[in-house]
Amino acid sequence: METIKVYSPVEDNDIRKNLNDSPIWKKAFHEDELKEARNKHAIIFEYSIKFDGLKPVQVLNIKKL
């Protein structure tokens, strides 16, 4: 398993209840796209998510940047 930081302008306080269908995935950015995301959106949230391959399995932390 691998922990990856996912960035999104969408705040989802219930992400732990419904990780796979969370609205963050519609506007999700990878760490190398963070500069572009910050230019487009005033507020970005950093989600630390544990993945099993391509499947997200657990949210470890949520931080507002």
N, C-alpha and C. Protein backbone atom coordinates (compact mmCIF):
# COMPACT_ATOMS: atom_id res chain seq x y z
N MET A 1 0.83 -1.18 0.00
CA MET A 1 0.00 0.00 0.00
C MET A 1 0.88 1.25 0.00
N GLU A 2 0.34 2.29 -0.61
CA GLU A 2 1.09 3.53 -0.77
C GLU A 2 0.22 4.71 -0.36
N THR A 3 0.80 5.68 0.34
CA THR A 3 0.09 6.89 0.71
C THR A 3 0.41 7.98 -0.29
N ILE A 4 -0.63 8.58 -0.86
CA ILE A 4 -0.48 9.62 -1.89
C ILE A 4 -1.28 10.84 -1.46
N LYS A 5 -0.73 12.01 -1.72
CA LYS A 5 -1.43 13.26 -1.44
C LYS A 5 -2.21 13.66 -2.69
N VAL A 6 -3.50 13.88 -2.50
CA VAL A 6 -4.41 14.29 -3.56
C VAL A 6 -4.89 15.69 -3.22
N TYR A 7 -4.92 16.56 -4.21
CA TYR A 7 -5.32 17.95 -3.99
C TYR A 7 -6.62 18.23 -4.73
N SER A 8 -7.52 18.96 -4.08
CA SER A 8 -8.81 19.26 -4.67
C SER A 8 -9.36 20.55 -4.06
N PRO A 9 -10.06 21.36 -4.87
CA PRO A 9 -10.72 22.54 -4.32
C PRO A 9 -12.01 22.20 -3.58
N VAL A 10 -12.41 20.95 -3.65
CA VAL A 10 -13.66 20.48 -3.03
C VAL A 10 -13.38 20.01 -1.61
N GLU A 11 -14.12 20.56 -0.66
CA GLU A 11 -14.01 20.11 0.73
C GLU A 11 -15.08 19.06 0.98
N ASP A 12 -14.66 17.88 1.37
CA ASP A 12 -15.59 16.79 1.65
C ASP A 12 -15.34 16.30 3.07
N ASN A 13 -16.16 16.77 4.00
CA ASN A 13 -16.00 16.36 5.40
C ASN A 13 -16.48 14.93 5.65
N ASP A 14 -17.24 14.36 4.73
CA ASP A 14 -17.74 12.99 4.87
C ASP A 14 -16.97 12.00 4.01
N ILE A 15 -15.77 12.35 3.58
CA ILE A 15 -15.01 11.50 2.66
C ILE A 15 -14.71 10.12 3.27
N ARG A 16 -14.57 10.07 4.58
CA ARG A 16 -14.25 8.78 5.22
C ARG A 16 -15.42 7.80 5.13
N LYS A 17 -16.63 8.30 4.95
CA LYS A 17 -17.81 7.44 4.85
C LYS A 17 -18.02 6.93 3.43
N ASN A 18 -17.58 7.69 2.43
CA ASN A 18 -17.84 7.32 1.05
C ASN A 18 -16.65 7.72 0.18
N LEU A 19 -15.51 7.12 0.40
CA LEU A 19 -14.26 7.49 -0.24
C LEU A 19 -14.31 7.36 -1.76
N ASN A 20 -14.78 6.27 -2.27
CA ASN A 20 -14.75 6.03 -3.71
C ASN A 20 -15.67 6.95 -4.50
N ASP A 21 -16.77 7.38 -3.93
CA ASP A 21 -17.71 8.24 -4.64
C ASP A 21 -17.65 9.70 -4.17
N SER A 22 -16.58 10.08 -3.54
CA SER A 22 -16.44 11.45 -3.04
C SER A 22 -16.39 12.44 -4.20
N PRO A 23 -16.95 13.63 -4.02
CA PRO A 23 -16.90 14.65 -5.07
C PRO A 23 -15.50 15.21 -5.31
N ILE A 24 -14.53 14.92 -4.44
CA ILE A 24 -13.18 15.44 -4.66
C ILE A 24 -12.57 14.89 -5.94
N TRP A 25 -12.95 13.70 -6.34
CA TRP A 25 -12.35 13.05 -7.51
C TRP A 25 -12.68 13.77 -8.82
N LYS A 26 -13.77 14.55 -8.86
CA LYS A 26 -14.13 15.27 -10.09
C LYS A 26 -13.16 16.40 -10.39
N LYS A 27 -12.53 16.95 -9.35
CA LYS A 27 -11.57 18.04 -9.52
C LYS A 27 -10.29 17.73 -8.74
N ALA A 28 -9.78 16.54 -8.90
CA ALA A 28 -8.59 16.13 -8.16
C ALA A 28 -7.32 16.44 -8.95
N PHE A 29 -6.29 16.83 -8.21
CA PHE A 29 -4.99 17.13 -8.80
C PHE A 29 -3.92 16.32 -8.10
N HIS A 30 -2.89 15.94 -8.84
CA HIS A 30 -1.73 15.26 -8.29
C HIS A 30 -0.74 16.32 -7.82
N GLU A 31 0.22 15.94 -7.03
CA GLU A 31 1.17 16.89 -6.45
C GLU A 31 1.91 17.69 -7.51
N ASP A 32 2.23 17.10 -8.65
CA ASP A 32 2.95 17.83 -9.69
C ASP A 32 2.05 18.83 -10.43
N GLU A 33 0.75 18.80 -10.19
CA GLU A 33 -0.19 19.75 -10.79
C GLU A 33 -0.64 20.83 -9.79
N LEU A 34 -0.01 20.87 -8.63
CA LEU A 34 -0.45 21.76 -7.56
C LEU A 34 -0.35 23.24 -7.95
N LYS A 35 0.71 23.63 -8.64
CA LYS A 35 0.85 25.03 -9.04
C LYS A 35 -0.30 25.45 -9.96
N GLU A 36 -0.64 24.62 -10.90
CA GLU A 36 -1.76 24.88 -11.81
C GLU A 36 -3.08 24.96 -11.03
N ALA A 37 -3.27 24.06 -10.08
CA ALA A 37 -4.49 24.05 -9.27
C ALA A 37 -4.62 25.32 -8.44
N ARG A 38 -3.52 25.80 -7.89
CA ARG A 38 -3.56 27.01 -7.07
C ARG A 38 -3.84 28.25 -7.91
N ASN A 39 -3.46 28.22 -9.18
CA ASN A 39 -3.77 29.33 -10.08
C ASN A 39 -5.26 29.37 -10.41
N LYS A 40 -5.89 28.23 -10.44
CA LYS A 40 -7.31 28.13 -10.80
C LYS A 40 -8.24 28.30 -9.60
N HIS A 41 -7.79 27.90 -8.42
CA HIS A 41 -8.67 27.86 -7.24
C HIS A 41 -8.01 28.58 -6.07
N ALA A 42 -8.80 29.38 -5.36
CA ALA A 42 -8.28 30.14 -4.22
C ALA A 42 -7.99 29.24 -3.02
N ILE A 43 -8.81 28.22 -2.83
CA ILE A 43 -8.65 27.30 -1.70
C ILE A 43 -8.44 25.89 -2.23
N ILE A 44 -7.43 25.23 -1.69
CA ILE A 44 -7.12 23.84 -2.07
C ILE A 44 -7.05 23.02 -0.78
N PHE A 45 -7.58 21.81 -0.85
CA PHE A 45 -7.49 20.87 0.27
C PHE A 45 -6.54 19.74 -0.10
N GLU A 46 -5.71 19.36 0.86
CA GLU A 46 -4.76 18.27 0.67
C GLU A 46 -5.29 17.05 1.41
N TYR A 47 -5.56 16.00 0.67
CA TYR A 47 -6.05 14.74 1.24
C TYR A 47 -4.92 13.72 1.18
N SER A 48 -4.51 13.21 2.31
CA SER A 48 -3.53 12.11 2.35
C SER A 48 -4.33 10.82 2.34
N ILE A 49 -4.18 10.06 1.25
CA ILE A 49 -5.02 8.88 1.05
C ILE A 49 -4.13 7.66 0.82
N LYS A 50 -4.47 6.58 1.50
CA LYS A 50 -3.76 5.32 1.33
C LYS A 50 -4.43 4.55 0.19
N PHE A 51 -3.61 4.13 -0.77
CA PHE A 51 -4.09 3.40 -1.94
C PHE A 51 -3.57 1.97 -1.92
N ASP A 52 -4.42 1.06 -2.38
CA ASP A 52 -4.03 -0.33 -2.64
C ASP A 52 -4.05 -0.47 -4.15
N GLY A 53 -2.91 -0.27 -4.78
CA GLY A 53 -2.87 -0.21 -6.24
C GLY A 53 -3.52 1.09 -6.69
N LEU A 54 -4.59 1.00 -7.46
CA LEU A 54 -5.32 2.18 -7.92
C LEU A 54 -6.55 2.46 -7.08
N LYS A 55 -6.81 1.62 -6.10
CA LYS A 55 -8.03 1.74 -5.29
C LYS A 55 -7.74 2.50 -3.99
N PRO A 56 -8.44 3.64 -3.76
CA PRO A 56 -8.28 4.34 -2.48
C PRO A 56 -8.96 3.54 -1.37
N VAL A 57 -8.24 3.36 -0.25
CA VAL A 57 -8.79 2.53 0.82
C VAL A 57 -8.96 3.26 2.15
N GLN A 58 -8.20 4.35 2.38
CA GLN A 58 -8.30 5.01 3.68
C GLN A 58 -7.81 6.46 3.58
N VAL A 59 -8.55 7.37 4.21
CA VAL A 59 -8.12 8.77 4.33
C VAL A 59 -7.35 8.92 5.63
N LEU A 60 -6.13 9.40 5.54
CA LEU A 60 -5.29 9.54 6.72
C LEU A 60 -5.35 10.95 7.30
N ASN A 61 -5.44 11.97 6.41
CA ASN A 61 -5.40 13.34 6.90
C ASN A 61 -6.02 14.27 5.85
N ILE A 62 -6.61 15.37 6.32
CA ILE A 62 -7.15 16.39 5.45
C ILE A 62 -6.60 17.73 5.95
N LYS A 63 -6.06 18.52 5.03
CA LYS A 63 -5.47 19.80 5.41
C LYS A 63 -5.88 20.87 4.40
N LYS A 64 -6.22 22.04 4.90
CA LYS A 64 -6.56 23.17 4.04
C LYS A 64 -5.29 23.95 3.76
N LEU A 65 -4.99 24.19 2.49
CA LEU A 65 -3.77 24.93 2.13
C LEU A 65 -4.06 26.40 1.91
